[in-house]
Amino acid sequence: MSKKSVKRWSAKRKQEVVLRLLRGESLDALSRETGQPASVLSRWRDEFLEGGLAALKRRTEDPKVAALEKELKRAKRLVGDLMMDKELLEMRIARFEGELPFLMRRSNP
């Protein structure tokens, strides 16, 4: 990368610099090469690593996502209840229509 002044760095260019830092290149050398202060490069690295940590988290702390997950659980539970009701009704209809015999009860002598 050249020393020429770049007004805006793309995320891809920042990533390239950060990956070079993570691979062990000198912060000072990269700072001189890119023309960015070492503090900026350090901040990019920290933000990159924080983003990676967020990507590894299973759950997000976004209240909208939490509300959607709660609603999804409720909907799945409701679907399960409805499926059981449907199966029970199908069995009752089958017995009523004579497709399945009623269970024989044994009397105690």
Protein backbone atom coordinates (compact mmCIF):
# COMPACT_ATOMS: atom_id res chain seq x y z
CA MET A 1 0.00 0.00 0.00
CA SER A 2 1.31 3.41 -0.83
CA LYS A 3 1.70 6.41 1.40
CA LYS A 4 -0.60 8.54 -0.74
CA SER A 5 -3.44 10.05 1.23
CA VAL A 6 -6.65 8.10 1.07
CA LYS A 7 -9.71 9.94 2.29
CA ARG A 8 -11.81 6.88 2.99
CA TRP A 9 -10.67 3.34 3.62
CA SER A 10 -12.94 0.52 2.52
CA ALA A 11 -13.70 -2.27 4.94
CA LYS A 12 -11.78 -4.65 2.70
CA ARG A 13 -8.63 -2.50 2.81
CA LYS A 14 -8.91 -2.15 6.58
CA GLN A 15 -9.30 -5.91 6.86
CA GLU A 16 -6.16 -6.48 4.83
CA VAL A 17 -4.16 -4.25 7.17
CA VAL A 18 -5.68 -5.83 10.28
CA LEU A 19 -4.91 -9.33 9.04
CA ARG A 20 -1.32 -8.31 8.43
CA LEU A 21 -1.18 -7.04 12.02
CA LEU A 22 -2.65 -10.29 13.33
CA ARG A 23 -0.10 -12.27 11.32
CA GLY A 24 2.65 -10.49 13.22
CA GLU A 25 3.70 -7.53 11.11
CA SER A 26 4.95 -4.53 13.04
CA LEU A 27 2.36 -1.94 13.98
CA ASP A 28 4.88 0.86 13.45
CA ALA A 29 5.92 -0.44 10.04
CA LEU A 30 2.32 -0.74 8.88
CA SER A 31 1.58 2.70 10.24
CA ARG A 32 4.43 4.19 8.18
CA GLU A 33 3.46 2.19 5.09
CA THR A 34 -0.23 3.07 5.17
CA GLY A 35 0.10 6.60 6.49
CA GLN A 36 -2.38 5.81 9.25
CA PRO A 37 -1.53 6.51 12.89
CA ALA A 38 -0.76 3.45 14.99
CA SER A 39 -3.73 4.30 17.22
CA VAL A 40 -6.09 4.05 14.22
CA LEU A 41 -4.63 0.70 13.18
CA SER A 42 -4.96 -0.56 16.76
CA ARG A 43 -8.58 0.58 16.86
CA TRP A 44 -9.29 -1.22 13.56
CA ARG A 45 -7.73 -4.39 14.97
CA ASP A 46 -9.78 -4.16 18.19
CA GLU A 47 -13.01 -3.53 16.26
CA PHE A 48 -12.24 -6.45 13.96
CA LEU A 49 -11.68 -8.78 16.90
CA GLU A 50 -14.84 -7.56 18.68
CA GLY A 51 -16.83 -8.22 15.52
CA GLY A 52 -15.42 -11.72 15.38
CA LEU A 53 -16.46 -12.34 18.96
CA ALA A 54 -19.98 -11.12 18.21
CA ALA A 55 -20.18 -13.50 15.26
CA LEU A 56 -19.27 -16.42 17.52
CA LYS A 57 -21.98 -15.65 20.06
CA ARG A 58 -24.99 -17.91 19.73
CA ARG A 59 -27.50 -15.36 20.83
CA THR A 60 -27.73 -11.71 20.16
CA GLU A 61 -28.62 -9.08 22.69
CA ASP A 62 -30.92 -7.32 20.23
CA PRO A 63 -34.37 -7.06 21.87
CA LYS A 64 -36.10 -7.47 18.49
CA VAL A 65 -34.33 -10.79 17.90
CA ALA A 66 -35.13 -11.96 21.44
CA ALA A 67 -38.81 -11.10 20.92
CA LEU A 68 -38.86 -12.97 17.61
CA GLU A 69 -37.21 -16.02 19.18
CA LYS A 70 -39.81 -15.99 21.96
CA GLU A 71 -42.63 -15.74 19.42
CA LEU A 72 -41.10 -18.59 17.39
CA LYS A 73 -41.01 -20.82 20.48
CA ARG A 74 -44.65 -20.00 21.20
CA ALA A 75 -45.65 -20.75 17.60
CA LYS A 76 -43.80 -24.09 17.64
CA ARG A 77 -45.51 -25.06 20.88
CA LEU A 78 -48.89 -24.11 19.41
CA VAL A 79 -48.23 -26.12 16.24
CA GLY A 80 -47.28 -29.13 18.37
CA ASP A 81 -50.50 -28.84 20.39
CA LEU A 82 -52.56 -28.53 17.22
CA MET A 83 -50.89 -31.59 15.69
CA MET A 84 -51.71 -33.66 18.78
CA ASP A 85 -55.33 -32.46 18.69
CA LYS A 86 -55.53 -33.33 15.00
CA GLU A 87 -54.21 -36.85 15.57
CA LEU A 88 -56.63 -37.44 18.45
CA LEU A 89 -59.57 -36.22 16.36
CA GLU A 90 -58.54 -38.44 13.45
CA MET A 91 -58.46 -41.44 15.81
CA ARG A 92 -61.92 -40.60 17.20
CA ILE A 93 -63.35 -40.21 13.70
CA ALA A 94 -61.82 -43.52 12.63
CA ARG A 95 -63.34 -45.29 15.65
CA PHE A 96 -66.70 -43.62 15.07
CA GLU A 97 -66.71 -44.68 11.42
CA GLY A 98 -65.73 -48.21 12.36
CA GLU A 99 -62.25 -48.19 10.91
CA LEU A 100 -60.66 -49.05 14.23
CA PRO A 101 -62.23 -51.36 16.78
CA PHE A 102 -62.93 -50.05 20.25
CA LEU A 103 -60.73 -51.48 22.92
CA MET A 104 -62.29 -54.50 24.56
CA ARG A 105 -62.65 -54.21 28.28
CA ARG A 106 -62.16 -57.20 30.49
CA SER A 107 -64.43 -57.63 33.39
CA ASN A 108 -63.09 -58.96 36.62
CA PRO A 109 -64.67 -62.31 37.64
